C-alpha atoms as a PDB file:
ATOM      1  CA  MET A   1     112.816-134.916  71.512  1.00  0.00           C
ATOM      2  CA  ALA A   2     110.410-135.287  68.897  1.00  0.00           C
ATOM      3  CA  ARG A   3     108.958-132.239  67.283  1.00  0.00           C
ATOM      4  CA  ALA A   4     105.175-131.799  68.760  1.00  0.00           C
ATOM      5  CA  ARG A   5     104.048-128.588  67.703  1.00  0.00           C
ATOM      6  CA  ALA A   6     102.853-127.547  64.091  1.00  0.00           C
ATOM      7  CA  VAL A   7     104.998-126.320  61.963  1.00  0.00           C
ATOM      8  CA  ASN A   8     104.883-122.968  59.646  1.00  0.00           C
ATOM      9  CA  PHE A   9     105.401-121.969  56.106  1.00  0.00           C
ATOM     10  CA  ASP A  10     108.294-119.700  57.414  1.00  0.00           C
ATOM     11  CA  ASP A  11     110.132-122.364  59.563  1.00  0.00           C
ATOM     12  CA  ARG A  12     113.506-123.366  58.410  1.00  0.00           C
ATOM     13  CA  LEU A  13     114.154-127.149  59.726  1.00  0.00           C
ATOM     14  CA  THR A  14     116.757-129.688  58.711  1.00  0.00           C
ATOM     15  CA  LEU A  15     116.502-132.599  57.499  1.00  0.00           C
ATOM     16  CA  VAL A  16     116.799-134.219  60.621  1.00  0.00           C
ATOM     17  CA  GLU A  17     114.092-131.746  62.081  1.00  0.00           C
ATOM     18  CA  HIS A  18     111.742-132.921  59.015  1.00  0.00           C
ATOM     19  CA  LEU A  19     112.684-136.600  59.534  1.00  0.00           C
ATOM     20  CA  ASP A  20     111.983-136.481  63.972  1.00  0.00           C
ATOM     21  CA  GLU A  21     108.512-134.714  62.734  1.00  0.00           C
ATOM     22  CA  LEU A  22     107.623-137.423  60.707  1.00  0.00           C
ATOM     23  CA  ARG A  23     108.363-140.270  63.223  1.00  0.00           C
ATOM     24  CA  THR A  24     106.182-138.293  65.472  1.00  0.00           C
ATOM     25  CA  ARG A  25     103.418-138.488  63.689  1.00  0.00           C
ATOM     26  CA  ILE A  26     104.424-141.803  62.390  1.00  0.00           C
ATOM     27  CA  ILE A  27     104.449-142.797  66.028  1.00  0.00           C
ATOM     28  CA  ILE A  28     101.013-140.798  66.436  1.00  0.00           C
ATOM     29  CA  SER A  29      99.134-142.961  63.583  1.00  0.00           C
ATOM     30  CA  LEU A  30     100.268-145.850  64.668  1.00  0.00           C
ATOM     31  CA  ALA A  31      98.966-145.378  68.386  1.00  0.00           C
ATOM     32  CA  ALA A  32      95.386-143.997  67.021  1.00  0.00           C
ATOM     33  CA  PHE A  33      95.316-146.912  64.698  1.00  0.00           C
ATOM     34  CA  GLY A  34      96.318-149.353  67.531  1.00  0.00           C
ATOM     35  CA  VAL A  35      93.630-147.927  69.688  1.00  0.00           C
ATOM     36  CA  ALA A  36      91.013-148.566  67.451  1.00  0.00           C
ATOM     37  CA  PHE A  37      92.404-152.011  66.978  1.00  0.00           C
ATOM     38  CA  ALA A  38      92.297-152.700  70.410  1.00  0.00           C
ATOM     39  CA  LEU A  39      88.858-150.864  70.678  1.00  0.00           C
ATOM     40  CA  CYS A  40      87.286-153.198  67.661  1.00  0.00           C
ATOM     41  CA  PHE A  41      89.543-156.309  68.674  1.00  0.00           C
ATOM     42  CA  TRP A  42      87.465-156.029  72.105  1.00  0.00           C
ATOM     43  CA  GLN A  43      83.885-155.558  69.883  1.00  0.00           C
ATOM     44  CA  ASP A  44      84.683-158.486  67.854  1.00  0.00           C
ATOM     45  CA  ALA A  45      81.360-159.673  68.200  1.00  0.00           C
ATOM     46  CA  LEU A  46      80.036-156.471  67.315  1.00  0.00           C
ATOM     47  CA  MET A  47      82.049-156.221  64.519  1.00  0.00           C
ATOM     48  CA  LEU A  48      81.291-159.569  62.858  1.00  0.00           C
ATOM     49  CA  GLU A  49      77.603-158.816  63.119  1.00  0.00           C
ATOM     50  CA  ILE A  50      77.774-156.014  61.353  1.00  0.00           C
ATOM     51  CA  PHE A  51      79.871-157.951  58.526  1.00  0.00           C
ATOM     52  CA  ASN A  52      77.223-160.512  58.487  1.00  0.00           C
ATOM     53  CA  ALA A  53      74.437-158.394  58.127  1.00  0.00           C
ATOM     54  CA  ALA A  54      75.380-157.828  54.479  1.00  0.00           C
ATOM     55  CA  LEU A  55      74.446-161.474  54.404  1.00  0.00           C
ATOM     56  CA  PRO A  56      70.523-162.979  52.856  1.00  0.00           C
ATOM     57  CA  GLU A  57      68.134-164.145  55.607  1.00  0.00           C
ATOM     58  CA  ASN A  58      68.476-167.349  56.479  1.00  0.00           C
ATOM     59  CA  THR A  59      72.043-167.334  55.697  1.00  0.00           C
ATOM     60  CA  PRO A  60      73.771-170.184  58.189  1.00  0.00           C
ATOM     61  CA  GLN A  61      76.782-168.017  59.751  1.00  0.00           C
ATOM     62  CA  PRO A  62      80.290-168.546  58.207  1.00  0.00           C
ATOM     63  CA  ILE A  63      82.408-171.185  58.695  1.00  0.00           C
ATOM     64  CA  THR A  64      86.294-171.755  59.484  1.00  0.00           C
ATOM     65  CA  LEU A  65      88.221-175.159  58.050  1.00  0.00           C
ATOM     66  CA  GLY A  66      91.533-174.297  60.377  1.00  0.00           C
ATOM     67  CA  VAL A  67      92.248-174.267  63.942  1.00  0.00           C
ATOM     68  CA  THR A  68      93.744-170.791  63.710  1.00  0.00           C
ATOM     69  CA  GLU A  69      91.153-169.175  61.472  1.00  0.00           C
ATOM     70  CA  PRO A  70      88.869-167.831  63.439  1.00  0.00           C
ATOM     71  CA  PHE A  71      91.733-166.021  65.531  1.00  0.00           C
ATOM     72  CA  PHE A  72      93.387-164.763  62.677  1.00  0.00           C
ATOM     73  CA  THR A  73      89.973-163.938  60.650  1.00  0.00           C
ATOM     74  CA  THR A  74      88.963-161.959  63.663  1.00  0.00           C
ATOM     75  CA  VAL A  75      91.904-159.991  63.635  1.00  0.00           C
ATOM     76  CA  GLU A  76      91.399-159.089  59.957  1.00  0.00           C
ATOM     77  CA  VAL A  77      87.825-157.822  60.507  1.00  0.00           C
ATOM     78  CA  SER A  78      89.632-155.874  63.725  1.00  0.00           C
ATOM     79  CA  ALA A  79      91.727-154.113  61.368  1.00  0.00           C
ATOM     80  CA  TYR A  80      89.486-153.071  58.123  1.00  0.00           C
ATOM     81  CA  GLY A  81      87.567-151.529  61.356  1.00  0.00           C
ATOM     82  CA  ALA A  82      90.181-150.261  62.836  1.00  0.00           C
ATOM     83  CA  PHE A  83      91.426-148.256  59.471  1.00  0.00           C
ATOM     84  CA  VAL A  84      88.122-146.762  58.998  1.00  0.00           C
ATOM     85  CA  ILE A  85      87.564-145.438  62.749  1.00  0.00           C
ATOM     86  CA  ALA A  86      91.498-144.183  62.903  1.00  0.00           C
ATOM     87  CA  LEU A  87      91.155-142.480  59.625  1.00  0.00           C
ATOM     88  CA  PRO A  88      90.375-139.023  60.493  1.00  0.00           C
ATOM     89  CA  VAL A  89      93.553-138.931  62.846  1.00  0.00           C
ATOM     90  CA  LEU A  90      95.671-140.530  59.809  1.00  0.00           C
ATOM     91  CA  LEU A  91      94.800-138.190  57.625  1.00  0.00           C
ATOM     92  CA  TYR A  92      95.365-135.355  59.437  1.00  0.00           C
ATOM     93  CA  GLN A  93      98.858-136.204  60.823  1.00  0.00           C
ATOM     94  CA  GLY A  94      99.254-136.896  56.891  1.00  0.00           C
ATOM     95  CA  TYR A  95      98.083-133.159  56.394  1.00  0.00           C
ATOM     96  CA  ALA A  96      99.652-131.313  59.293  1.00  0.00           C
ATOM     97  CA  PHE A  97     102.992-133.185  57.649  1.00  0.00           C
ATOM     98  CA  VAL A  98     102.433-131.420  54.366  1.00  0.00           C
ATOM     99  CA  LEU A  99     100.393-128.815  54.529  1.00  0.00           C
ATOM    100  CA  PRO A 100     103.614-126.138  56.442  1.00  0.00           C
ATOM    101  CA  ALA A 101     104.918-126.631  52.909  1.00  0.00           C
ATOM    102  CA  PHE A 102     101.887-124.667  51.594  1.00  0.00           C
ATOM    103  CA  SER A 103     101.560-120.744  51.616  1.00  0.00           C
ATOM    104  CA  ASP A 104      98.573-119.055  52.864  1.00  0.00           C
ATOM    105  CA  SER A 105      97.233-118.343  49.770  1.00  0.00           C
ATOM    106  CA  GLU A 106      98.111-122.040  48.972  1.00  0.00           C
ATOM    107  CA  LYS A 107      96.421-123.851  52.201  1.00  0.00           C
ATOM    108  CA  LYS A 108      93.126-121.588  51.077  1.00  0.00           C
ATOM    109  CA  VAL A 109      93.539-123.702  47.584  1.00  0.00           C
ATOM    110  CA  VAL A 110      94.421-127.375  49.191  1.00  0.00           C
ATOM    111  CA  LEU A 111      91.911-127.086  52.190  1.00  0.00           C
ATOM    112  CA  PRO A 112      88.729-127.904  50.318  1.00  0.00           C
ATOM    113  CA  PHE A 113      90.212-130.704  49.178  1.00  0.00           C
ATOM    114  CA  LEU A 114      91.579-131.689  52.184  1.00  0.00           C
ATOM    115  CA  ILE A 115      88.051-131.796  53.852  1.00  0.00           C
ATOM    116  CA  ALA A 116      86.626-133.550  51.077  1.00  0.00           C
ATOM    117  CA  ALA A 117      88.602-137.024  51.197  1.00  0.00           C
ATOM    118  CA  PRO A 118      87.625-138.008  53.977  1.00  0.00           C
ATOM    119  CA  LEU A 119      84.148-137.839  53.386  1.00  0.00           C
ATOM    120  CA  LEU A 120      84.497-139.036  49.814  1.00  0.00           C
ATOM    121  CA  PHE A 121      86.142-141.937  51.462  1.00  0.00           C
ATOM    122  CA  LEU A 122      83.494-142.773  53.991  1.00  0.00           C
ATOM    123  CA  ALA A 123      80.866-142.249  51.287  1.00  0.00           C
ATOM    124  CA  GLY A 124      82.573-144.699  49.142  1.00  0.00           C
ATOM    125  CA  VAL A 125      82.469-147.133  52.364  1.00  0.00           C
ATOM    126  CA  ALA A 126      78.797-146.153  52.811  1.00  0.00           C
ATOM    127  CA  PHE A 127      77.911-146.973  49.277  1.00  0.00           C
ATOM    128  CA  SER A 128      79.653-150.271  48.620  1.00  0.00           C
ATOM    129  CA  TYR A 129      78.075-151.503  52.069  1.00  0.00           C
ATOM    130  CA  PHE A 130      74.807-150.863  52.078  1.00  0.00           C
ATOM    131  CA  ILE A 131      73.929-150.898  47.950  1.00  0.00           C
ATOM    132  CA  VAL A 132      76.520-152.885  46.429  1.00  0.00           C
ATOM    133  CA  LEU A 133      77.228-155.634  48.671  1.00  0.00           C
ATOM    134  CA  PRO A 134      73.487-156.815  49.636  1.00  0.00           C
ATOM    135  CA  ALA A 135      72.749-157.043  45.918  1.00  0.00           C
ATOM    136  CA  ALA A 136      76.077-158.704  44.976  1.00  0.00           C
ATOM    137  CA  ILE A 137      75.893-161.291  47.665  1.00  0.00           C
ATOM    138  CA  LYS A 138      72.230-161.782  47.268  1.00  0.00           C
ATOM    139  CA  PHE A 139      73.285-162.386  43.369  1.00  0.00           C
ATOM    140  CA  LEU A 140      75.947-164.664  43.795  1.00  0.00           C
ATOM    141  CA  LEU A 141      74.886-167.070  46.801  1.00  0.00           C
ATOM    142  CA  ASN A 142      71.923-167.588  44.434  1.00  0.00           C
ATOM    143  CA  PHE A 143      73.600-168.181  41.463  1.00  0.00           C
ATOM    144  CA  ASN A 144      73.303-171.849  40.720  1.00  0.00           C
ATOM    145  CA  ALA A 145      72.374-172.687  44.101  1.00  0.00           C
ATOM    146  CA  SER A 146      70.716-175.580  43.297  1.00  0.00           C
ATOM    147  CA  ASP A 147      73.641-177.415  41.978  1.00  0.00           C
ATOM    148  CA  PHE A 148      75.937-176.524  44.624  1.00  0.00           C
ATOM    149  CA  ASN A 149      76.244-177.166  48.451  1.00  0.00           C
ATOM    150  CA  ILE A 150      76.999-173.720  49.380  1.00  0.00           C
ATOM    151  CA  GLU A 151      78.673-172.919  52.328  1.00  0.00           C
ATOM    152  CA  VAL A 152      80.694-169.189  53.062  1.00  0.00           C
ATOM    153  CA  ARG A 153      83.891-169.377  54.447  1.00  0.00           C
ATOM    154  CA  ALA A 154      84.661-166.655  57.045  1.00  0.00           C
ATOM    155  CA  LYS A 155      87.848-165.653  55.843  1.00  0.00           C
ATOM    156  CA  ASP A 156      86.852-165.239  52.226  1.00  0.00           C
ATOM    157  CA  TYR A 157      83.916-163.481  52.800  1.00  0.00           C
ATOM    158  CA  TYR A 158      85.432-160.734  55.134  1.00  0.00           C
ATOM    159  CA  ARG A 159      88.262-160.152  52.751  1.00  0.00           C
ATOM    160  CA  PHE A 160      85.552-159.483  49.900  1.00  0.00           C
ATOM    161  CA  ILE A 161      83.423-156.744  52.504  1.00  0.00           C
ATOM    162  CA  GLY A 162      86.903-155.749  53.601  1.00  0.00           C
ATOM    163  CA  VAL A 163      88.308-155.234  49.961  1.00  0.00           C
ATOM    164  CA  LEU A 164      85.418-153.795  48.189  1.00  0.00           C
ATOM    165  CA  CYS A 165      84.774-151.301  50.632  1.00  0.00           C
ATOM    166  CA  LEU A 166      88.042-149.654  51.182  1.00  0.00           C
ATOM    167  CA  SER A 167      88.440-150.134  47.392  1.00  0.00           C
ATOM    168  CA  LEU A 168      85.386-147.902  46.659  1.00  0.00           C
ATOM    169  CA  GLY A 169      86.399-145.162  49.309  1.00  0.00           C
ATOM    170  CA  VAL A 170      89.578-144.678  47.462  1.00  0.00           C
ATOM    171  CA  LEU A 171      87.787-145.012  43.914  1.00  0.00           C
ATOM    172  CA  PHE A 172      85.116-142.396  45.205  1.00  0.00           C
ATOM    173  CA  GLN A 173      88.290-139.905  45.255  1.00  0.00           C
ATOM    174  CA  ILE A 174      87.910-139.238  41.296  1.00  0.00           C
ATOM    175  CA  PRO A 175      86.561-135.749  41.619  1.00  0.00           C
ATOM    176  CA  LEU A 176      89.684-134.717  43.844  1.00  0.00           C
ATOM    177  CA  GLY A 177      92.098-136.192  41.152  1.00  0.00           C
ATOM    178  CA  VAL A 178      90.346-134.214  38.518  1.00  0.00           C
ATOM    179  CA  LEU A 179      90.100-131.844  40.019  1.00  0.00           C
ATOM    180  CA  SER A 180      93.837-131.664  40.532  1.00  0.00           C
ATOM    181  CA  ILE A 181      95.034-132.758  37.770  1.00  0.00           C
ATOM    182  CA  THR A 182      92.873-129.557  35.864  1.00  0.00           C
ATOM    183  CA  ARG A 183      93.819-127.046  38.360  1.00  0.00           C
ATOM    184  CA  LEU A 184      97.486-127.706  37.884  1.00  0.00           C
ATOM    185  CA  GLY A 185      96.929-127.238  34.233  1.00  0.00           C
ATOM    186  CA  ILE A 186      97.740-131.175  32.938  1.00  0.00           C
ATOM    187  CA  VAL A 187      94.469-131.148  30.892  1.00  0.00           C
ATOM    188  CA  THR A 188      91.681-129.002  30.568  1.00  0.00           C
ATOM    189  CA  PRO A 189      87.761-129.718  31.288  1.00  0.00           C
ATOM    190  CA  ASP A 190      87.141-130.380  27.507  1.00  0.00           C
ATOM    191  CA  GLN A 191      89.484-132.538  27.187  1.00  0.00           C
ATOM    192  CA  LEU A 192      88.287-134.835  30.013  1.00  0.00           C
ATOM    193  CA  ALA A 193      85.049-135.065  28.274  1.00  0.00           C
ATOM    194  CA  LYS A 194      86.236-136.061  24.938  1.00  0.00           C
ATOM    195  CA  ASN A 195      87.866-139.043  26.373  1.00  0.00           C
ATOM    196  CA  ARG A 196      85.236-139.668  28.869  1.00  0.00           C
ATOM    197  CA  ARG A 197      84.282-142.928  26.704  1.00  0.00           C
ATOM    198  CA  TYR A 198      87.903-144.188  27.848  1.00  0.00           C
ATOM    199  CA  VAL A 199      87.366-143.309  31.102  1.00  0.00           C
ATOM    200  CA  ILE A 200      84.294-145.123  31.391  1.00  0.00           C
ATOM    201  CA  PHE A 201      86.235-148.490  29.972  1.00  0.00           C
ATOM    202  CA  GLY A 202      88.666-147.957  32.522  1.00  0.00           C
ATOM    203  CA  ILE A 203      85.920-147.838  35.181  1.00  0.00           C
ATOM    204  CA  SER A 204      84.568-151.198  33.515  1.00  0.00           C
ATOM    205  CA  VAL A 205      88.114-152.666  33.979  1.00  0.00           C
ATOM    206  CA  VAL A 206      88.591-151.360  37.600  1.00  0.00           C
ATOM    207  CA  ALA A 207      84.618-152.869  38.340  1.00  0.00           C
ATOM    208  CA  ALA A 208      85.337-156.029  36.721  1.00  0.00           C
ATOM    209  CA  ALA A 209      88.645-156.323  38.682  1.00  0.00           C
ATOM    210  CA  LEU A 210      87.047-155.611  42.390  1.00  0.00           C
ATOM    211  CA  PRO A 211      86.336-158.573  44.143  1.00  0.00           C
ATOM    212  CA  GLY A 212      82.791-159.837  42.984  1.00  0.00           C
ATOM    213  CA  GLY A 213      83.627-159.334  39.075  1.00  0.00           C
ATOM    214  CA  ASP A 214      79.700-159.957  38.779  1.00  0.00           C
ATOM    215  CA  PRO A 215      76.952-158.480  36.079  1.00  0.00           C
ATOM    216  CA  VAL A 216      75.083-156.736  39.890  1.00  0.00           C
ATOM    217  CA  SER A 217      78.440-155.339  41.435  1.00  0.00           C
ATOM    218  CA  MET A 218      79.930-154.505  38.161  1.00  0.00           C
ATOM    219  CA  LEU A 219      76.811-152.340  36.857  1.00  0.00           C
ATOM    220  CA  LEU A 220      76.409-151.009  40.737  1.00  0.00           C
ATOM    221  CA  ILE A 221      79.995-149.906  41.194  1.00  0.00           C
ATOM    222  CA  MET A 222      80.792-148.210  37.543  1.00  0.00           C
ATOM    223  CA  PHE A 223      77.139-146.072  37.892  1.00  0.00           C
ATOM    224  CA  PRO A 224      78.250-143.823  40.579  1.00  0.00           C
ATOM    225  CA  LEU A 225      81.995-143.531  39.901  1.00  0.00           C
ATOM    226  CA  ILE A 226      80.452-142.652  35.899  1.00  0.00           C
ATOM    227  CA  LEU A 227      78.520-140.109  37.569  1.00  0.00           C
ATOM    228  CA  LEU A 228      81.274-138.841  39.898  1.00  0.00           C
ATOM    229  CA  TYR A 229      83.340-138.219  36.945  1.00  0.00           C
ATOM    230  CA  GLU A 230      80.719-136.387  34.942  1.00  0.00           C
ATOM    231  CA  ALA A 231      80.313-133.949  38.124  1.00  0.00           C
ATOM    232  CA  SER A 232      84.154-133.825  38.185  1.00  0.00           C
ATOM    233  CA  ILE A 233      83.618-132.463  34.949  1.00  0.00           C
ATOM    234  CA  VAL A 234      81.165-129.855  35.816  1.00  0.00           C
ATOM    235  CA  LEU A 235      82.857-129.208  39.032  1.00  0.00           C
ATOM    236  CA  ALA A 236      85.898-128.351  36.612  1.00  0.00           C
ATOM    237  CA  ARG A 237      84.587-126.388  34.657  1.00  0.00           C
ATOM    238  CA  ARG A 238      83.355-124.175  37.687  1.00  0.00           C
ATOM    239  CA  PHE A 239      86.718-124.501  39.670  1.00  0.00           C
ATOM    240  CA  GLY A 240      89.106-126.316  38.300  1.00  0.00           C
ATOM    241  CA  GLU A 241      91.336-123.197  37.120  1.00  0.00           C
ATOM    242  CA  PRO A 242      94.765-123.672  36.574  1.00  0.00           C
ATOM    243  CA  ARG A 243      96.443-123.194  40.298  1.00  0.00           C
ATOM    244  CA  ASP A 244      98.529-120.307  38.803  1.00  0.00           C
ATOM    245  CA  ARG A 245      95.467-118.207  38.555  1.00  0.00           C
ATOM    246  CA  ASP A 246      94.537-119.244  41.760  1.00  0.00           C
ATOM    247  CA  LEU A 247      97.785-118.066  43.514  1.00  0.00           C
ATOM    248  CA  ALA A 248      98.732-115.073  41.331  1.00  0.00           C
ATOM    249  CA  GLY A 249      96.755-112.580  43.580  1.00  0.00           C
ATOM    250  CA  ALA A 250      99.000-114.342  46.176  1.00  0.00           C
ATOM    251  CA  GLU A 251     102.235-112.737  44.583  1.00  0.00           C
ATOM    252  CA  PRO A 252     101.818-108.458  45.757  1.00  0.00           C
ATOM    253  CA  ALA A 253     101.124-109.647  48.728  1.00  0.00           C
ATOM    254  CA  ALA A 254     104.162-111.522  49.323  1.00  0.00           C
ATOM    255  CA  GLY A 255     105.772-108.874  48.204  1.00  0.00           C
ATOM    256  CA  GLU A 256     104.641-106.568  50.896  1.00  0.00           C
ATOM    257  CA  SER A 257     105.633-108.711  53.558  1.00  0.00           C
ATOM    258  CA  GLY A 258     109.013-109.254  52.437  1.00  0.00           C
END
């Protein structure tokens, strides 16, 4: 039978039991995504309305160019929405699988990262939807508008929104990445500050590679990412000591318990 209970740090599981637990958590994750997808597909009109809200006023509805395109485009939009809705369950299942590998003292170090990850992801999605998309779409649709008969294709437009929002959700994890590598002692806050010009260059390359690539969206994407990096350096100076220092105090307690 598949494992359903939480695994403790002191439990000793066989490889088969680990795989059994992993299978169970994958099934739960797929079930959560499936339920979220069914909900989004049921409310497909609402999902499309949310995506279309980023279009400027008086812009015609996105067009489709094939017999099957309306169906598969709706499926794609529903999948984007389902991922965001199911994200808490997906992250919890991932956390629940790896957390037993950490001792109680290690969990105190890891827990803030686990709480911050979904919040930063949602912040990135919200920033993309409410700030970046309206400005980028307005700029792109009005660029040389008098020289083109501009019509928005549904498949490309919805993919543009979905990929951009999810990408910024991932990129907003910069503080967690910076704190992780400083806690592990891979780099120091001083090294991060000294090499910020290379990081800014990398951020500009990523911003150019994301959907859009226009100057407006690039600047709107770069600005918060640079701020997050600078804030990460400040946090790293305050909380980014190597993890060994955080766990040093736990060694006597472990010895006493043994």
